[in-house]
Structure formats: structure tokens, C-alpha cells
Protein backbone atom coordinates (compact mmCIF):
# COMPACT_ATOMS: atom_id res chain seq x y z
CA MET A 1 0.00 0.00 0.00
CA LYS A 2 1.31 3.43 -0.92
CA LYS A 3 2.00 5.71 2.01
CA ILE A 4 0.76 9.25 1.56
CA ASP A 5 2.48 11.95 3.56
CA LYS A 6 -0.06 14.51 4.62
CA LYS A 7 1.38 17.84 5.53
CA PRO A 8 -0.87 20.05 7.58
CA THR A 9 -2.42 22.74 5.44
CA VAL A 10 -2.40 26.32 6.58
CA SER A 11 -4.99 28.74 5.26
CA SER A 12 -4.11 32.17 3.94
CA GLU A 13 -6.12 33.61 6.85
CA GLU A 14 -3.94 31.72 9.35
CA ILE A 15 -0.81 32.97 7.61
CA ARG A 16 -2.13 36.54 7.71
CA GLN A 17 -2.87 36.19 11.43
CA LEU A 18 0.62 34.82 12.07
CA VAL A 19 2.26 37.70 10.22
CA VAL A 20 0.12 40.26 12.06
CA ALA A 21 1.06 38.65 15.40
CA ARG A 22 4.75 38.85 14.46
CA LEU A 23 4.37 42.49 13.41
CA ARG A 24 2.72 43.33 16.74
CA SER A 25 5.92 42.20 18.48
CA PHE A 26 7.96 44.85 16.63
CA PRO A 27 8.96 47.87 18.73
CA SER A 28 6.66 50.88 18.54
CA GLY A 29 8.10 54.12 17.24
CA LYS A 30 10.38 52.36 14.76
CA LYS A 31 9.89 52.27 11.00
CA LEU A 32 10.74 49.53 8.56
CA SER A 33 12.04 50.43 5.11
CA ILE A 34 10.63 48.37 2.25
CA GLY A 35 13.04 49.19 -0.57
CA SER A 36 11.78 51.92 -2.86
CA ASP A 37 8.25 51.58 -1.44
CA GLY A 38 9.13 53.74 1.57
CA GLU A 39 9.17 53.50 5.35
CA PHE A 40 6.28 52.09 7.34
CA SER A 41 5.38 52.01 11.02
CA LYS A 42 4.27 48.83 12.72
CA ASP A 43 0.63 49.94 12.58
CA GLU A 44 0.89 50.84 8.89
CA LEU A 45 2.35 47.41 8.10
CA ILE A 46 -0.39 45.63 10.05
CA ALA A 47 -3.02 47.65 8.17
CA ARG A 48 -1.39 46.82 4.82
CA VAL A 49 -1.28 43.09 5.64
CA ASN A 50 -4.95 43.19 6.67
CA GLU A 51 -5.87 45.07 3.48
CA GLY A 52 -3.92 42.60 1.35
CA ASP A 53 -2.38 45.27 -0.87
CA SER A 54 1.00 44.90 -2.61
CA ILE A 55 2.96 46.05 0.46
CA GLY A 56 0.99 43.67 2.69
CA LYS A 57 1.69 40.77 0.32
CA LYS A 58 5.37 41.68 0.25
CA ILE A 59 5.50 41.69 4.07
CA ILE A 60 3.84 38.26 4.16
CA GLU A 61 6.41 36.92 1.66
CA ILE A 62 9.28 38.36 3.71
CA GLN A 63 7.97 36.88 6.96
CA LEU A 64 7.35 33.46 5.41
CA SER A 65 10.82 33.45 3.89
CA TYR A 66 12.32 34.27 7.29
CA LEU A 67 10.33 31.53 9.02
CA ARG A 68 11.30 28.96 6.39
CA SER A 69 14.99 29.80 6.70
CA PHE A 70 14.70 29.71 10.50
CA LYS A 71 13.14 26.26 10.27
CA GLU A 72 15.91 25.01 7.97
CA ASP A 73 18.66 26.45 10.19
CA THR A 74 17.07 25.00 13.31
CA SER A 75 16.56 21.58 11.72
CA SER A 76 20.19 21.33 10.64
CA TRP A 77 21.35 22.45 14.08
CA LEU A 78 19.17 19.84 15.82
CA GLU A 79 20.42 17.06 13.52
CA ALA A 80 24.08 17.76 14.36
């Protein structure tokens, strides 16, 4: 019998909530520069993620990329 690996699926809403939670942990009063798109406060970034505009999507991509690399680094460290 063929074994099927089922990876847990995560909805786009759950990803959005995760990114918003991570953004809430950023220090207040600081701004984050997003290349040529400008500087954004924590509250502006949260609003953009919730709106789902191009900046919000870019922030989600950045956060997911960070989390994936963190997972890979942690996995290799634990295997050593």
C-alpha cells in the first residue's frame, strides 16, 4: 500500500494572522524600510497586511521566507 504523507495545510487567513502577530511584536516608534516603497510604522504594516495590498503581500512573503529559513537552520542544528 502506498503511504501518503499529509502535511498540515495552513490557510491564507492563518498565515495573515501569524504575520500580524509577528508584526505586533515589533517595537513601537520604529519604522521599517521596504526598498523603494518607503518607510512604514508597525501599525501601517499591520493595516497593509490586513488590506492585502501589494505592500501587505510583500511583508507576508518576507515573513514566510524568514520563518522557512529559520526552520531550515534550526533543523540542521538539531540534527548535528
